[in-house]
Amino acid sequence: MNASIQNKVFLEDSIELLPAYFVLAEANICHGGTRLKKAEEFLIAAYWNLLKFTSDENEKGSGGQNESLVTKKEIEVYRACLHKTFGRLFLAQTRPETHKKALEELSQ
């Protein structure tokens, strides 16, 4: 494994942290109540990491493909998991306007 990958793996904005963010968000959604805000923070962090990673990959083109530890298929799975988890979060919130957001997220 080259040095640049080793240095990036556990940084806060690392794409490899997305599965952990999803698990933490799901756990906080299950607890409900005041923990929903923490779940939202984990999902926002996951969204930001995914957005940053995909925009960085687009800028690099195919040349940066060898440095990534995740495949394009995994990126698709992360994106789907992000929508599903955001949908669950919005359903768990008691405000009426969030149910429409939940439907939008779950249908993507």
Protein backbone atom coordinates (compact mmCIF):
# COMPACT_ATOMS: atom_id res chain seq x y z
CA MET A 1 0.00 0.00 0.00
CA ASN A 2 1.51 3.33 -0.93
CA ALA A 3 2.13 6.09 1.62
CA SER A 4 -0.57 8.46 0.33
CA ILE A 5 -3.30 5.86 0.92
CA GLN A 6 -1.98 5.04 4.39
CA ASN A 7 -2.09 8.71 5.33
CA LYS A 8 -5.66 9.22 4.08
CA VAL A 9 -7.44 6.14 5.44
CA PHE A 10 -8.45 7.45 8.84
CA LEU A 11 -8.74 11.17 8.18
CA GLU A 12 -12.08 12.76 8.99
CA ASP A 13 -12.87 13.29 5.31
CA SER A 14 -11.90 9.79 4.19
CA ILE A 15 -14.33 7.91 1.95
CA GLU A 16 -13.49 4.71 3.83
CA LEU A 17 -15.29 6.08 6.91
CA LEU A 18 -18.71 6.07 5.23
CA PRO A 19 -19.75 2.61 6.50
CA ALA A 20 -18.93 3.70 10.06
CA TYR A 21 -20.92 6.92 9.61
CA PHE A 22 -23.91 4.89 8.41
CA VAL A 23 -23.74 2.51 11.39
CA LEU A 24 -23.47 5.41 13.84
CA ALA A 25 -26.35 7.25 12.16
CA GLU A 26 -28.57 4.13 12.22
CA ALA A 27 -27.81 3.55 15.91
CA ASN A 28 -28.73 7.13 16.77
CA ILE A 29 -31.93 6.93 14.70
CA CYS A 30 -32.93 3.79 16.61
CA HIS A 31 -32.47 5.62 19.91
CA GLY A 32 -34.61 8.49 18.62
CA GLY A 33 -35.40 11.66 20.53
CA THR A 34 -32.45 13.95 21.03
CA ARG A 35 -30.13 11.47 19.30
CA LEU A 36 -31.71 12.28 15.92
CA LYS A 37 -29.62 15.45 15.70
CA LYS A 38 -26.44 13.39 16.14
CA ALA A 39 -27.64 10.97 13.45
CA GLU A 40 -28.17 13.93 11.14
CA GLU A 41 -24.62 15.13 11.82
CA PHE A 42 -23.19 11.72 10.89
CA LEU A 43 -25.22 11.66 7.68
CA ILE A 44 -24.14 15.17 6.76
CA ALA A 45 -20.51 14.13 7.28
CA ALA A 46 -21.07 11.04 5.12
CA TYR A 47 -22.73 13.14 2.42
CA TRP A 48 -19.88 15.65 2.46
CA ASN A 49 -17.23 12.91 2.22
CA LEU A 50 -19.05 11.25 -0.66
CA LEU A 51 -19.55 14.54 -2.47
CA LYS A 52 -15.92 15.55 -1.98
CA PHE A 53 -14.60 12.15 -3.06
CA THR A 54 -16.71 11.99 -6.22
CA SER A 55 -15.81 15.56 -7.22
CA ASP A 56 -12.11 14.84 -6.59
CA GLU A 57 -12.36 11.70 -8.73
CA ASN A 58 -13.98 13.68 -11.54
CA GLU A 59 -11.17 16.23 -11.43
CA LYS A 60 -8.48 13.51 -11.49
CA GLY A 61 -10.09 11.56 -14.31
CA SER A 62 -9.10 7.92 -14.64
CA GLY A 63 -5.55 8.59 -13.45
CA GLY A 64 -6.51 8.68 -9.74
CA GLN A 65 -8.32 5.35 -9.87
CA ASN A 66 -5.35 3.33 -8.56
CA GLU A 67 -5.13 5.28 -5.30
CA SER A 68 -8.71 4.67 -4.21
CA LEU A 69 -9.54 1.83 -1.83
CA VAL A 70 -13.20 1.81 -2.91
CA THR A 71 -14.66 0.77 -6.23
CA LYS A 72 -17.27 2.53 -8.33
CA LYS A 73 -19.78 -0.14 -7.27
CA GLU A 74 -19.10 0.63 -3.61
CA ILE A 75 -19.66 4.33 -4.32
CA GLU A 76 -23.08 3.46 -5.76
CA VAL A 77 -23.86 1.37 -2.67
CA TYR A 78 -22.78 4.25 -0.40
CA ARG A 79 -25.00 6.67 -2.30
CA ALA A 80 -27.99 4.31 -1.99
CA CYS A 81 -27.30 3.76 1.70
CA LEU A 82 -27.08 7.51 2.23
CA HIS A 83 -30.52 8.07 0.68
CA LYS A 84 -32.03 5.16 2.63
CA THR A 85 -30.60 6.35 5.94
CA PHE A 86 -31.64 9.96 5.34
CA GLY A 87 -35.13 8.62 4.60
CA ARG A 88 -35.19 6.72 7.88
CA LEU A 89 -34.02 9.83 9.72
CA PHE A 90 -36.76 11.97 8.18
CA LEU A 91 -39.38 9.33 9.05
CA ALA A 92 -38.17 9.27 12.65
CA GLN A 93 -38.57 13.03 12.98
CA THR A 94 -42.03 14.09 14.11
CA ARG A 95 -42.41 17.18 11.94
CA PRO A 96 -44.96 16.76 9.11
CA GLU A 97 -42.74 18.36 6.45
CA THR A 98 -40.03 15.74 6.99
CA HIS A 99 -42.30 12.92 5.80
CA LYS A 100 -42.27 14.40 2.28
CA LYS A 101 -38.46 14.58 2.44
CA ALA A 102 -38.41 10.95 3.58
CA LEU A 103 -40.47 9.88 0.59
CA GLU A 104 -38.15 11.77 -1.76
CA GLU A 105 -35.03 10.19 -0.23
CA LEU A 106 -36.45 6.68 -0.18
CA SER A 107 -37.56 6.91 -3.81
CA GLN A 108 -34.09 7.81 -5.12
